[in-house]
């Protein structure tokens, strides 16, 4: 039996996504969950296991929201925060204390994901309730913290009401984002009562002047 990591301290929660998702948070004041099957997640291993979990517990649907507790990596930007369909990639940094209280009040299951190699399957024994928190070792770099809502009322969607100013700490934006879009985000944040100072900045994962200047001055 593998020891789970439920006692691991949650130090930071980030969501690599795009500005479409960001505007849902700011405009609608909700934290939207995703249906892995209907939204066609890329990782079909994950989708199939989540659906098996749904069947085992007799739920109509399973909704999830995934956060990363890892440091910034190119993998996270490329996999989840690419510019696409007229929206720009972004990384939303959340207030951990606020989210933990929100999930606790709504009695929603959450924990860190455990990662296993294929060869671990021979001796891997886990309970049904751990199915949603088990992924292949290939995804370990994400250091995922996953939230699960089991739906027994056949909902079409699920979300939690939030106060964006209390819920969001800062936004890291795609290096390709245009200034008018940044202005739009900051203006919305200010209208909500948030302080725009250090609220948004562009990622330097693709180009960092400090890194470049170091080599220029050698």
N, C-alpha and C. Protein backbone atom coordinates (compact mmCIF):
# COMPACT_ATOMS: atom_id res chain seq x y z
N UNK A 1 0.84 -1.19 0.00
CA UNK A 1 0.00 0.00 0.00
C UNK A 1 0.88 1.25 0.00
N UNK A 2 0.60 2.17 -0.91
CA UNK A 2 1.41 3.38 -1.00
C UNK A 2 0.89 4.43 -0.01
N UNK A 3 1.80 5.10 0.65
CA UNK A 3 1.42 6.17 1.56
C UNK A 3 1.09 7.41 0.74
N UNK A 4 -0.09 7.97 0.95
CA UNK A 4 -0.44 9.16 0.18
C UNK A 4 0.22 10.39 0.80
N UNK A 5 0.10 11.53 0.09
CA UNK A 5 0.78 12.75 0.55
C UNK A 5 -0.22 13.81 0.97
N UNK A 6 -1.32 13.38 1.59
CA UNK A 6 -2.38 14.31 1.96
C UNK A 6 -1.94 15.30 3.02
N UNK A 7 -0.88 15.00 3.76
CA UNK A 7 -0.42 15.90 4.82
C UNK A 7 0.58 16.93 4.31
N UNK A 8 0.93 16.86 3.04
CA UNK A 8 1.87 17.82 2.48
C UNK A 8 1.27 19.22 2.52
N UNK A 9 2.06 20.19 2.93
CA UNK A 9 1.57 21.55 3.06
C UNK A 9 1.39 22.21 1.69
N UNK A 10 0.27 22.88 1.52
CA UNK A 10 0.00 23.61 0.28
C UNK A 10 0.57 25.01 0.41
N UNK A 11 1.63 25.30 -0.32
CA UNK A 11 2.30 26.58 -0.20
C UNK A 11 1.90 27.58 -1.27
N UNK A 12 1.58 27.07 -2.46
CA UNK A 12 1.13 27.96 -3.53
C UNK A 12 0.23 27.19 -4.49
N UNK A 13 -0.71 27.90 -5.08
CA UNK A 13 -1.62 27.30 -6.04
C UNK A 13 -1.69 28.20 -7.27
N UNK A 14 -1.34 27.63 -8.42
CA UNK A 14 -1.36 28.37 -9.67
C UNK A 14 -2.22 27.62 -10.68
N UNK A 15 -2.79 28.37 -11.59
CA UNK A 15 -3.52 27.74 -12.68
C UNK A 15 -3.03 28.32 -14.00
N UNK A 16 -2.43 27.47 -14.81
CA UNK A 16 -1.97 27.88 -16.13
C UNK A 16 -3.13 27.72 -17.10
N UNK A 17 -3.56 28.82 -17.71
CA UNK A 17 -4.77 28.81 -18.51
C UNK A 17 -4.69 29.92 -19.55
N UNK A 18 -5.79 30.58 -19.83
CA UNK A 18 -5.77 31.70 -20.77
C UNK A 18 -6.69 32.82 -20.28
N UNK A 19 -6.66 33.95 -20.98
CA UNK A 19 -7.42 35.11 -20.52
C UNK A 19 -8.92 34.90 -20.59
N UNK A 20 -9.37 33.95 -21.36
CA UNK A 20 -10.81 33.63 -21.38
C UNK A 20 -11.25 33.14 -20.01
N UNK A 21 -10.47 32.24 -19.42
CA UNK A 21 -10.76 31.72 -18.08
C UNK A 21 -10.63 32.84 -17.05
N UNK A 22 -9.61 33.67 -17.23
CA UNK A 22 -9.38 34.78 -16.30
C UNK A 22 -10.59 35.72 -16.26
N UNK A 23 -11.14 36.04 -17.43
CA UNK A 23 -12.29 36.94 -17.48
C UNK A 23 -13.53 36.32 -16.84
N UNK A 24 -13.64 35.01 -16.88
CA UNK A 24 -14.75 34.34 -16.20
C UNK A 24 -14.66 34.59 -14.69
N UNK A 25 -13.43 34.55 -14.17
CA UNK A 25 -13.23 34.81 -12.75
C UNK A 25 -13.55 36.26 -12.41
N UNK A 26 -13.06 37.18 -13.24
CA UNK A 26 -13.22 38.61 -12.94
C UNK A 26 -14.63 39.12 -13.21
N UNK A 27 -15.22 38.70 -14.32
CA UNK A 27 -16.54 39.21 -14.71
C UNK A 27 -17.68 38.48 -14.02
N UNK A 28 -17.60 37.16 -13.98
CA UNK A 28 -18.70 36.36 -13.42
C UNK A 28 -18.53 36.08 -11.94
N UNK A 29 -17.32 36.33 -11.43
CA UNK A 29 -17.02 36.11 -10.01
C UNK A 29 -17.30 34.67 -9.60
N UNK A 30 -16.83 33.76 -10.45
CA UNK A 30 -16.98 32.33 -10.17
C UNK A 30 -15.66 31.62 -10.41
N UNK A 31 -15.51 30.48 -9.77
CA UNK A 31 -14.39 29.58 -10.02
C UNK A 31 -14.98 28.37 -10.74
N UNK A 32 -14.86 28.32 -12.08
CA UNK A 32 -15.49 27.24 -12.83
C UNK A 32 -14.70 25.94 -12.79
N UNK A 33 -15.42 24.84 -12.61
CA UNK A 33 -14.84 23.51 -12.67
C UNK A 33 -15.02 22.95 -14.08
N UNK A 34 -14.33 21.86 -14.37
CA UNK A 34 -14.39 21.26 -15.69
C UNK A 34 -14.89 19.82 -15.59
N UNK A 35 -15.64 19.41 -16.59
CA UNK A 35 -16.03 18.00 -16.72
C UNK A 35 -15.00 17.34 -17.64
N UNK A 36 -14.13 16.48 -17.09
CA UNK A 36 -13.03 15.90 -17.89
C UNK A 36 -13.48 15.19 -19.15
N UNK A 37 -14.66 14.56 -19.10
CA UNK A 37 -15.15 13.81 -20.26
C UNK A 37 -15.69 14.76 -21.32
N UNK A 38 -16.60 15.65 -20.91
CA UNK A 38 -17.20 16.58 -21.87
C UNK A 38 -16.20 17.58 -22.42
N UNK A 39 -15.22 17.97 -21.60
CA UNK A 39 -14.22 18.95 -22.05
C UNK A 39 -13.02 18.31 -22.73
N UNK A 40 -13.03 17.00 -22.82
CA UNK A 40 -12.03 16.27 -23.59
C UNK A 40 -10.59 16.63 -23.21
N UNK A 41 -10.24 16.33 -21.97
CA UNK A 41 -8.86 16.54 -21.54
C UNK A 41 -7.90 15.75 -22.44
N UNK A 42 -6.70 16.28 -22.63
CA UNK A 42 -5.71 15.61 -23.48
C UNK A 42 -5.27 14.26 -22.91
N UNK A 43 -5.11 14.21 -21.60
CA UNK A 43 -4.64 12.98 -20.94
C UNK A 43 -5.80 11.99 -20.81
N UNK A 44 -5.93 11.11 -21.78
CA UNK A 44 -7.03 10.15 -21.77
C UNK A 44 -6.87 9.12 -20.66
N UNK A 45 -5.66 8.87 -20.19
CA UNK A 45 -5.47 8.00 -19.02
C UNK A 45 -6.24 8.58 -17.84
N UNK A 46 -6.08 9.88 -17.65
CA UNK A 46 -6.74 10.58 -16.56
C UNK A 46 -8.26 10.56 -16.74
N UNK A 47 -8.71 10.85 -17.95
CA UNK A 47 -10.15 10.88 -18.24
C UNK A 47 -10.80 9.54 -17.95
N UNK A 48 -10.19 8.46 -18.44
CA UNK A 48 -10.75 7.12 -18.27
C UNK A 48 -10.81 6.70 -16.81
N UNK A 49 -9.75 7.02 -16.06
CA UNK A 49 -9.71 6.66 -14.64
C UNK A 49 -10.75 7.46 -13.86
N UNK A 50 -10.91 8.74 -14.21
CA UNK A 50 -11.93 9.56 -13.55
C UNK A 50 -13.34 9.04 -13.85
N UNK A 51 -13.54 8.55 -15.07
CA UNK A 51 -14.86 8.01 -15.41
C UNK A 51 -15.11 6.68 -14.69
N UNK A 52 -14.06 5.89 -14.52
CA UNK A 52 -14.19 4.66 -13.74
C UNK A 52 -14.55 4.99 -12.29
N UNK A 53 -13.91 6.03 -11.77
CA UNK A 53 -14.22 6.50 -10.42
C UNK A 53 -15.69 6.91 -10.32
N UNK A 54 -16.16 7.67 -11.33
CA UNK A 54 -17.55 8.11 -11.36
C UNK A 54 -18.50 6.91 -11.30
N UNK A 55 -18.19 5.90 -12.07
CA UNK A 55 -19.04 4.70 -12.10
C UNK A 55 -19.03 3.97 -10.77
N UNK A 56 -17.86 3.89 -10.17
CA UNK A 56 -17.72 3.15 -8.91
C UNK A 56 -18.50 3.80 -7.77
N UNK A 57 -18.58 5.14 -7.76
CA UNK A 57 -19.29 5.81 -6.67
C UNK A 57 -20.74 6.11 -7.04
N UNK A 58 -21.12 5.81 -8.28
CA UNK A 58 -22.50 6.00 -8.71
C UNK A 58 -22.88 7.45 -8.97
N UNK A 59 -21.89 8.29 -9.29
CA UNK A 59 -22.16 9.70 -9.56
C UNK A 59 -22.62 9.90 -11.00
N UNK A 60 -23.39 10.95 -11.23
CA UNK A 60 -23.79 11.29 -12.60
C UNK A 60 -22.62 11.89 -13.37
N UNK A 61 -21.88 12.76 -12.69
CA UNK A 61 -20.73 13.40 -13.30
C UNK A 61 -19.68 13.69 -12.24
N UNK A 62 -18.48 13.92 -12.69
CA UNK A 62 -17.40 14.35 -11.80
C UNK A 62 -16.80 15.62 -12.38
N UNK A 63 -16.79 16.66 -11.59
CA UNK A 63 -16.20 17.94 -12.01
C UNK A 63 -14.88 18.13 -11.28
N UNK A 64 -13.93 18.76 -11.95
CA UNK A 64 -12.61 18.92 -11.36
C UNK A 64 -12.01 20.29 -11.70
N UNK A 65 -11.12 20.74 -10.86
CA UNK A 65 -10.30 21.90 -11.16
C UNK A 65 -8.89 21.57 -10.68
N UNK A 66 -7.91 21.87 -11.52
CA UNK A 66 -6.54 21.46 -11.24
C UNK A 66 -5.62 22.68 -11.08
N UNK A 67 -4.81 22.64 -10.06
CA UNK A 67 -3.83 23.68 -9.79
C UNK A 67 -2.43 23.08 -9.81
N UNK A 68 -1.45 23.92 -10.03
CA UNK A 68 -0.06 23.50 -9.91
C UNK A 68 0.56 24.17 -8.70
N UNK A 69 1.33 23.40 -7.95
CA UNK A 69 2.06 23.97 -6.81
C UNK A 69 3.55 24.06 -7.14
N UNK A 70 3.88 23.84 -8.41
CA UNK A 70 5.28 23.83 -8.84
C UNK A 70 5.78 25.22 -9.22
N UNK A 71 7.08 25.34 -9.32
CA UNK A 71 7.68 26.56 -9.84
C UNK A 71 7.40 26.64 -11.34
N UNK A 72 7.50 27.82 -11.90
CA UNK A 72 7.22 28.04 -13.32
C UNK A 72 8.14 27.18 -14.19
N UNK A 73 7.54 26.53 -15.19
CA UNK A 73 8.30 25.73 -16.15
C UNK A 73 7.76 25.97 -17.55
N UNK A 74 8.58 25.71 -18.55
CA UNK A 74 8.16 25.85 -19.94
C UNK A 74 7.06 24.83 -20.26
N UNK A 75 7.12 23.67 -19.62
CA UNK A 75 6.11 22.63 -19.84
C UNK A 75 4.71 23.13 -19.49
N UNK A 76 4.59 23.82 -18.38
CA UNK A 76 3.29 24.30 -17.94
C UNK A 76 2.74 25.37 -18.88
N UNK A 77 3.62 26.22 -19.38
CA UNK A 77 3.18 27.24 -20.33
C UNK A 77 2.78 26.60 -21.66
N UNK A 78 3.59 25.71 -22.16
CA UNK A 78 3.31 25.09 -23.46
C UNK A 78 2.08 24.19 -23.42
N UNK A 79 1.88 23.50 -22.33
CA UNK A 79 0.79 22.53 -22.24
C UNK A 79 -0.55 23.17 -21.93
N UNK A 80 -0.54 24.23 -21.11
CA UNK A 80 -1.82 24.74 -20.60
C UNK A 80 -2.06 26.23 -20.84
N UNK A 81 -1.04 26.98 -21.19
CA UNK A 81 -1.20 28.43 -21.28
C UNK A 81 -0.71 29.00 -22.60
N UNK A 82 -0.93 28.27 -23.67
CA UNK A 82 -0.59 28.77 -25.00
C UNK A 82 -1.59 29.83 -25.44
N UNK A 83 -1.14 30.76 -26.28
CA UNK A 83 -2.05 31.70 -26.91
C UNK A 83 -2.87 30.93 -27.94
N UNK A 84 -4.20 31.04 -27.86
CA UNK A 84 -5.03 30.31 -28.82
C UNK A 84 -6.43 30.93 -28.90
N UNK A 85 -7.02 30.80 -30.07
CA UNK A 85 -8.40 31.21 -30.32
C UNK A 85 -8.69 32.64 -29.87
N UNK A 86 -7.72 33.53 -30.09
CA UNK A 86 -7.93 34.94 -29.77
C UNK A 86 -7.69 35.31 -28.33
N UNK A 87 -7.28 34.33 -27.51
CA UNK A 87 -7.00 34.59 -26.10
C UNK A 87 -5.51 34.37 -25.81
N UNK A 88 -5.02 35.04 -24.79
CA UNK A 88 -3.61 34.94 -24.44
C UNK A 88 -3.42 34.02 -23.24
N UNK A 89 -2.29 33.33 -23.22
CA UNK A 89 -1.97 32.48 -22.10
C UNK A 89 -1.69 33.30 -20.85
N UNK A 90 -1.97 32.70 -19.70
CA UNK A 90 -1.68 33.38 -18.44
C UNK A 90 -1.57 32.36 -17.31
N UNK A 91 -0.96 32.79 -16.24
CA UNK A 91 -0.85 31.98 -15.03
C UNK A 91 -1.47 32.78 -13.89
N UNK A 92 -2.51 32.23 -13.29
CA UNK A 92 -3.20 32.90 -12.19
C UNK A 92 -2.66 32.38 -10.87
N UNK A 93 -2.15 33.28 -10.05
CA UNK A 93 -1.66 32.92 -8.72
C UNK A 93 -2.77 33.17 -7.70
N UNK A 94 -3.18 32.12 -7.03
CA UNK A 94 -4.32 32.22 -6.12
C UNK A 94 -3.89 32.39 -4.67
N UNK A 95 -4.82 32.92 -3.89
CA UNK A 95 -4.66 33.04 -2.45
C UNK A 95 -4.98 31.68 -1.83
N UNK A 96 -3.97 30.98 -1.36
CA UNK A 96 -4.15 29.62 -0.84
C UNK A 96 -5.12 29.57 0.33
N UNK A 97 -4.96 30.48 1.27
CA UNK A 97 -5.82 30.48 2.45
C UNK A 97 -7.29 30.67 2.07
N UNK A 98 -7.54 31.57 1.12
CA UNK A 98 -8.91 31.82 0.69
C UNK A 98 -9.52 30.58 0.05
N UNK A 99 -8.75 29.93 -0.84
CA UNK A 99 -9.28 28.74 -1.53
C UNK A 99 -9.51 27.59 -0.56
N UNK A 100 -8.59 27.38 0.36
CA UNK A 100 -8.75 26.28 1.30
C UNK A 100 -10.03 26.46 2.14
N UNK A 101 -10.29 27.68 2.54
CA UNK A 101 -11.50 27.97 3.31
C UNK A 101 -12.74 27.75 2.45
N UNK A 102 -12.66 28.16 1.18
CA UNK A 102 -13.78 28.00 0.25
C UNK A 102 -14.12 26.52 0.06
N UNK A 103 -13.09 25.70 -0.15
CA UNK A 103 -13.32 24.27 -0.38
C UNK A 103 -13.83 23.59 0.89
N UNK A 104 -13.32 24.03 2.02
CA UNK A 104 -13.75 23.45 3.29
C UNK A 104 -15.23 23.76 3.55
N UNK A 105 -15.62 25.00 3.31
CA UNK A 105 -17.01 25.41 3.55
C UNK A 105 -17.97 24.65 2.64
N UNK A 106 -17.52 24.30 1.44
CA UNK A 106 -18.37 23.60 0.49
C UNK A 106 -18.18 22.09 0.52
N UNK A 107 -17.37 21.62 1.51
CA UNK A 107 -17.14 20.18 1.71
C UNK A 107 -16.72 19.48 0.41
N UNK A 108 -15.74 20.08 -0.26
CA UNK A 108 -15.26 19.55 -1.53
C UNK A 108 -13.92 18.84 -1.33
N UNK A 109 -13.81 17.66 -1.91
CA UNK A 109 -12.62 16.83 -1.76
C UNK A 109 -11.44 17.41 -2.52
N UNK A 110 -10.27 17.42 -1.89
CA UNK A 110 -9.07 17.92 -2.57
C UNK A 110 -7.82 17.33 -1.94
N UNK A 111 -6.78 17.20 -2.75
CA UNK A 111 -5.52 16.70 -2.26
C UNK A 111 -4.49 16.75 -3.38
N UNK A 112 -3.23 16.55 -3.03
CA UNK A 112 -2.18 16.46 -4.03
C UNK A 112 -2.32 15.17 -4.81
N UNK A 113 -1.93 15.22 -6.07
CA UNK A 113 -1.94 14.04 -6.92
C UNK A 113 -0.71 13.19 -6.63
N UNK A 114 -0.88 11.88 -6.62
CA UNK A 114 0.24 10.94 -6.51
C UNK A 114 0.62 10.45 -7.91
N UNK A 115 1.91 10.33 -8.16
CA UNK A 115 2.39 9.94 -9.49
C UNK A 115 3.10 8.59 -9.41
N UNK A 116 2.81 7.71 -10.39
CA UNK A 116 3.36 6.36 -10.37
C UNK A 116 3.91 5.97 -11.74
N UNK A 117 4.97 5.18 -11.70
CA UNK A 117 5.55 4.60 -12.91
C UNK A 117 4.68 3.42 -13.36
N UNK A 118 4.81 3.04 -14.62
CA UNK A 118 4.05 1.90 -15.14
C UNK A 118 4.38 0.63 -14.37
N UNK A 119 5.65 0.46 -14.00
CA UNK A 119 6.04 -0.75 -13.28
C UNK A 119 5.47 -0.81 -11.86
N UNK A 120 4.99 0.34 -11.36
CA UNK A 120 4.38 0.36 -10.03
C UNK A 120 3.03 -0.34 -10.01
N UNK A 121 2.41 -0.50 -11.19
CA UNK A 121 1.07 -1.07 -11.26
C UNK A 121 0.98 -2.47 -10.67
N UNK A 122 2.08 -3.21 -10.75
CA UNK A 122 2.08 -4.59 -10.24
C UNK A 122 1.79 -4.66 -8.75
N UNK A 123 2.18 -3.63 -8.02
CA UNK A 123 1.99 -3.65 -6.57
C UNK A 123 1.11 -2.49 -6.07
N UNK A 124 0.51 -1.75 -7.01
CA UNK A 124 -0.28 -0.59 -6.65
C UNK A 124 -1.69 -0.99 -6.21
N UNK A 125 -2.03 -0.68 -4.99
CA UNK A 125 -3.36 -0.94 -4.47
C UNK A 125 -3.86 0.35 -3.84
N UNK A 126 -4.94 0.90 -4.38
CA UNK A 126 -5.49 2.13 -3.83
C UNK A 126 -7.01 2.00 -3.73
N UNK A 127 -7.59 2.77 -2.84
CA UNK A 127 -9.04 2.76 -2.66
C UNK A 127 -9.70 3.57 -3.77
N UNK A 128 -10.98 3.37 -3.96
CA UNK A 128 -11.71 4.07 -5.00
C UNK A 128 -11.59 5.59 -4.89
N UNK A 129 -11.59 6.10 -3.66
CA UNK A 129 -11.57 7.55 -3.49
C UNK A 129 -10.22 8.17 -3.85
N UNK A 130 -9.22 7.32 -4.11
CA UNK A 130 -7.92 7.84 -4.54
C UNK A 130 -7.75 7.81 -6.05
N UNK A 131 -8.71 7.24 -6.77
CA UNK A 131 -8.63 7.20 -8.23
C UNK A 131 -8.41 8.59 -8.85
N UNK A 132 -9.16 9.62 -8.41
CA UNK A 132 -9.01 10.93 -9.04
C UNK A 132 -7.67 11.60 -8.76
N UNK A 133 -6.91 11.06 -7.83
CA UNK A 133 -5.65 11.70 -7.42
C UNK A 133 -4.44 10.83 -7.76
N UNK A 134 -4.57 10.08 -8.83
CA UNK A 134 -3.51 9.17 -9.26
C UNK A 134 -3.21 9.39 -10.74
N UNK A 135 -1.96 9.71 -11.05
CA UNK A 135 -1.58 9.96 -12.44
C UNK A 135 -0.23 9.31 -12.73
N UNK A 136 0.06 9.24 -14.01
CA UNK A 136 1.35 8.66 -14.42
C UNK A 136 2.50 9.59 -14.05
N UNK A 137 3.66 8.99 -13.82
CA UNK A 137 4.86 9.69 -13.36
C UNK A 137 5.32 10.76 -14.36
N UNK A 138 4.92 10.59 -15.62
CA UNK A 138 5.30 11.54 -16.67
C UNK A 138 4.82 12.95 -16.38
N UNK A 139 3.79 13.06 -15.53
CA UNK A 139 3.20 14.37 -15.23
C UNK A 139 3.69 14.96 -13.91
N UNK A 140 4.67 14.36 -13.30
CA UNK A 140 5.10 14.74 -11.96
C UNK A 140 5.55 16.19 -11.86
N UNK A 141 6.06 16.75 -12.96
CA UNK A 141 6.59 18.12 -12.94
C UNK A 141 5.50 19.14 -12.59
N UNK A 142 4.24 18.75 -12.78
CA UNK A 142 3.14 19.67 -12.51
C UNK A 142 2.88 19.89 -11.02
N UNK A 143 3.25 18.90 -10.19
CA UNK A 143 2.98 18.97 -8.75
C UNK A 143 1.53 19.42 -8.53
N UNK A 144 0.63 18.64 -9.09
CA UNK A 144 -0.78 19.04 -9.14
C UNK A 144 -1.51 18.89 -7.81
N UNK A 145 -2.32 19.88 -7.54
CA UNK A 145 -3.26 19.84 -6.42
C UNK A 145 -4.65 19.87 -7.05
N UNK A 146 -5.41 18.81 -6.84
CA UNK A 146 -6.66 18.63 -7.57
C UNK A 146 -7.87 18.72 -6.64
N UNK A 147 -8.92 19.37 -7.16
CA UNK A 147 -10.17 19.52 -6.44
C UNK A 147 -11.25 18.75 -7.19
N UNK A 148 -12.02 17.94 -6.49
CA UNK A 148 -13.03 17.08 -7.11
C UNK A 148 -14.41 17.35 -6.51
N UNK A 149 -15.40 17.52 -7.39
CA UNK A 149 -16.79 17.62 -6.95
C UNK A 149 -17.60 16.50 -7.58
N UNK A 150 -18.17 15.65 -6.75
CA UNK A 150 -18.98 14.53 -7.22
C UNK A 150 -20.44 14.98 -7.36
N UNK A 151 -20.97 14.89 -8.57
CA UNK A 151 -22.32 15.37 -8.85
C UNK A 151 -23.30 14.20 -8.94
N UNK A 152 -24.33 14.26 -8.12
CA UNK A 152 -25.38 13.23 -8.13
C UNK A 152 -26.71 13.80 -8.60
N UNK A 153 -26.67 14.99 -9.20
CA UNK A 153 -27.89 15.65 -9.67
C UNK A 153 -27.84 15.97 -11.15
N UNK A 154 -26.92 15.34 -11.87
CA UNK A 154 -26.81 15.48 -13.32
C UNK A 154 -26.72 16.94 -13.77
N UNK A 155 -25.88 17.70 -13.10
CA UNK A 155 -25.67 19.10 -13.48
C UNK A 155 -24.97 19.19 -14.84
N UNK A 156 -25.20 20.30 -15.53
CA UNK A 156 -24.50 20.53 -16.80
C UNK A 156 -23.17 21.22 -16.56
N UNK A 157 -23.07 21.94 -15.42
CA UNK A 157 -21.82 22.61 -15.08
C UNK A 157 -21.78 22.84 -13.58
N UNK A 158 -20.60 23.21 -13.09
CA UNK A 158 -20.45 23.45 -11.66
C UNK A 158 -19.39 24.52 -11.44
N UNK A 159 -19.66 25.42 -10.51
CA UNK A 159 -18.70 26.47 -10.17
C UNK A 159 -18.95 26.93 -8.74
N UNK A 160 -18.00 27.66 -8.19
CA UNK A 160 -18.13 28.23 -6.86
C UNK A 160 -18.05 29.75 -6.95
N UNK A 161 -18.89 30.42 -6.19
CA UNK A 161 -18.85 31.88 -6.15
C UNK A 161 -17.60 32.33 -5.40
N UNK A 162 -16.96 33.38 -5.93
CA UNK A 162 -15.74 33.89 -5.30
C UNK A 162 -15.75 35.41 -5.26
N UNK A 163 -14.92 35.94 -4.40
CA UNK A 163 -14.56 37.36 -4.42
C UNK A 163 -13.20 37.42 -5.12
N UNK A 164 -13.15 37.86 -6.38
CA UNK A 164 -11.89 37.83 -7.14
C UNK A 164 -10.73 38.52 -6.44
N UNK A 165 -10.99 39.64 -5.79
CA UNK A 165 -9.92 40.40 -5.15
C UNK A 165 -9.30 39.62 -4.00
N UNK A 166 -10.12 38.86 -3.29
CA UNK A 166 -9.61 38.05 -2.19
C UNK A 166 -9.03 36.73 -2.69
N UNK A 167 -9.55 36.26 -3.82
CA UNK A 167 -9.17 34.94 -4.34
C UNK A 167 -7.87 34.95 -5.14
N UNK A 168 -7.64 36.04 -5.89
CA UNK A 168 -6.49 36.10 -6.81
C UNK A 168 -5.41 37.02 -6.24
N UNK A 169 -4.17 36.55 -6.30
CA UNK A 169 -3.04 37.35 -5.82
C UNK A 169 -2.40 38.15 -6.95
N UNK A 170 -2.14 37.50 -8.08
CA UNK A 170 -1.49 38.17 -9.19
C UNK A 170 -1.65 37.35 -10.46
N UNK A 171 -1.32 37.96 -11.60
CA UNK A 171 -1.44 37.32 -12.90
C UNK A 171 -0.12 37.43 -13.65
N UNK A 172 0.36 36.31 -14.16
CA UNK A 172 1.53 36.31 -15.05
C UNK A 172 1.00 36.09 -16.46
N UNK A 173 1.41 36.95 -17.39
CA UNK A 173 0.82 36.96 -18.72
C UNK A 173 1.78 36.47 -19.80
N UNK A 174 1.19 36.05 -20.90
CA UNK A 174 1.96 35.64 -22.08
C UNK A 174 2.87 36.78 -22.53
N UNK A 175 4.08 36.47 -23.01
CA UNK A 175 4.96 37.53 -23.51
C UNK A 175 4.42 38.20 -24.77
N UNK A 176 3.45 37.56 -25.41
CA UNK A 176 2.88 38.10 -26.65
C UNK A 176 1.67 39.00 -26.43
N UNK A 177 1.22 39.12 -25.21
CA UNK A 177 0.02 39.89 -24.94
C UNK A 177 0.23 41.36 -25.28
N UNK A 178 -0.78 41.99 -25.87
CA UNK A 178 -0.65 43.39 -26.27
C UNK A 178 -1.00 44.31 -25.10
N UNK A 179 -0.48 45.53 -25.15
CA UNK A 179 -0.65 46.47 -24.04
C UNK A 179 -2.11 46.80 -23.77
N UNK A 180 -2.93 46.87 -24.82
CA UNK A 180 -4.34 47.20 -24.61
C UNK A 180 -5.06 46.11 -23.82
N UNK A 181 -4.62 44.87 -23.98
CA UNK A 181 -5.22 43.77 -23.23
C UNK A 181 -4.81 43.82 -21.77
N UNK A 182 -3.55 44.18 -21.53
CA UNK A 182 -3.08 44.34 -20.14
C UNK A 182 -3.84 45.46 -19.45
N UNK A 183 -4.04 46.55 -20.18
CA UNK A 183 -4.79 47.69 -19.65
C UNK A 183 -6.22 47.27 -19.30
N UNK A 184 -6.82 46.47 -20.15
CA UNK A 184 -8.18 45.98 -19.94
C UNK A 184 -8.28 45.15 -18.67
N UNK A 185 -7.30 44.28 -18.45
CA UNK A 185 -7.28 43.43 -17.26
C UNK A 185 -7.09 44.26 -16.00
N UNK A 186 -6.14 45.19 -16.04
CA UNK A 186 -5.86 46.04 -14.88
C UNK A 186 -7.03 46.97 -14.56
N UNK A 187 -7.70 47.45 -15.61
CA UNK A 187 -8.86 48.32 -15.41
C UNK A 187 -9.98 47.55 -14.72
N UNK A 188 -10.19 46.30 -15.16
CA UNK A 188 -11.22 45.47 -14.54
C UNK A 188 -10.87 45.18 -13.09
N UNK A 189 -9.62 44.90 -12.84
CA UNK A 189 -9.16 44.62 -11.48
C UNK A 189 -9.36 45.83 -10.57
N UNK A 190 -9.04 46.99 -11.08
CA UNK A 190 -9.20 48.22 -10.32
C UNK A 190 -10.68 48.49 -10.02
N UNK A 191 -11.56 48.21 -11.00
CA UNK A 191 -12.99 48.42 -10.81
C UNK A 191 -13.55 47.50 -9.72
N UNK A 192 -12.91 46.35 -9.54
CA UNK A 192 -13.34 45.41 -8.50
C UNK A 192 -12.83 45.81 -7.12
N UNK A 193 -11.94 46.79 -7.10
CA UNK A 193 -11.38 47.25 -5.84
C UNK A 193 -9.98 46.74 -5.55
N UNK A 194 -9.37 46.11 -6.56
CA UNK A 194 -8.02 45.57 -6.38
C UNK A 194 -6.94 46.59 -6.69
N UNK A 195 -5.77 46.39 -6.12
CA UNK A 195 -4.61 47.25 -6.35
C UNK A 195 -3.85 46.73 -7.57
N UNK A 196 -3.71 47.56 -8.59
CA UNK A 196 -3.09 47.10 -9.84
C UNK A 196 -1.56 47.05 -9.76
N UNK A 197 -0.98 47.63 -8.72
CA UNK A 197 0.48 47.61 -8.58
C UNK A 197 0.96 46.17 -8.40
N UNK A 198 1.81 45.72 -9.30
CA UNK A 198 2.37 44.36 -9.30
C UNK A 198 1.31 43.27 -9.48
N UNK A 199 0.14 43.66 -9.97
CA UNK A 199 -0.90 42.66 -10.20
C UNK A 199 -0.61 41.84 -11.45
N UNK A 200 -0.17 42.51 -12.51
CA UNK A 200 0.14 41.81 -13.75
C UNK A 200 1.57 42.06 -14.19
N UNK A 201 2.18 41.04 -14.76
CA UNK A 201 3.46 41.19 -15.45
C UNK A 201 3.62 40.04 -16.45
N UNK A 202 4.48 40.22 -17.41
CA UNK A 202 4.68 39.19 -18.43
C UNK A 202 5.70 38.16 -17.94
N UNK A 203 5.50 36.92 -18.34
CA UNK A 203 6.47 35.89 -18.00
C UNK A 203 7.80 36.16 -18.70
N UNK A 204 8.89 35.81 -18.05
CA UNK A 204 10.22 35.96 -18.66
C UNK A 204 10.80 34.59 -19.01
N UNK A 205 9.94 33.56 -19.01
CA UNK A 205 10.43 32.21 -19.28
C UNK A 205 11.01 32.10 -20.69
N UNK A 206 10.50 32.92 -21.62
CA UNK A 206 10.98 32.87 -23.00
C UNK A 206 12.10 33.86 -23.26
N UNK A 207 12.14 34.94 -22.49
CA UNK A 207 13.18 35.95 -22.67
C UNK A 207 13.34 36.74 -21.39
N UNK A 208 14.54 36.67 -20.82
CA UNK A 208 14.81 37.33 -19.56
C UNK A 208 16.02 38.24 -19.71
N UNK A 209 15.82 39.54 -19.56
CA UNK A 209 16.90 40.51 -19.80
C UNK A 209 18.06 40.33 -18.83
N UNK A 210 17.76 39.97 -17.58
CA UNK A 210 18.82 39.76 -16.59
C UNK A 210 19.73 38.61 -17.02
N UNK A 211 19.11 37.53 -17.51
CA UNK A 211 19.86 36.36 -17.99
C UNK A 211 20.73 36.74 -19.19
N UNK A 212 20.13 37.44 -20.14
CA UNK A 212 20.85 37.81 -21.37
C UNK A 212 21.99 38.77 -21.05
N UNK A 213 21.74 39.78 -20.20
CA UNK A 213 22.76 40.77 -19.88
C UNK A 213 23.94 40.18 -19.15
N UNK A 214 23.67 39.13 -18.38
CA UNK A 214 24.77 38.47 -17.69
C UNK A 214 25.81 37.97 -18.68
N UNK A 215 25.35 37.33 -19.74
CA UNK A 215 26.27 36.79 -20.74
C UNK A 215 26.84 37.89 -21.63
N UNK A 216 26.05 38.96 -21.81
CA UNK A 216 26.54 40.07 -22.61
C UNK A 216 27.72 40.77 -21.92
N UNK A 217 27.71 40.76 -20.62
CA UNK A 217 28.74 41.51 -19.87
C UNK A 217 29.93 40.65 -19.46
N UNK A 218 29.91 39.38 -19.82
CA UNK A 218 31.06 38.51 -19.48
C UNK A 218 32.27 38.91 -20.34
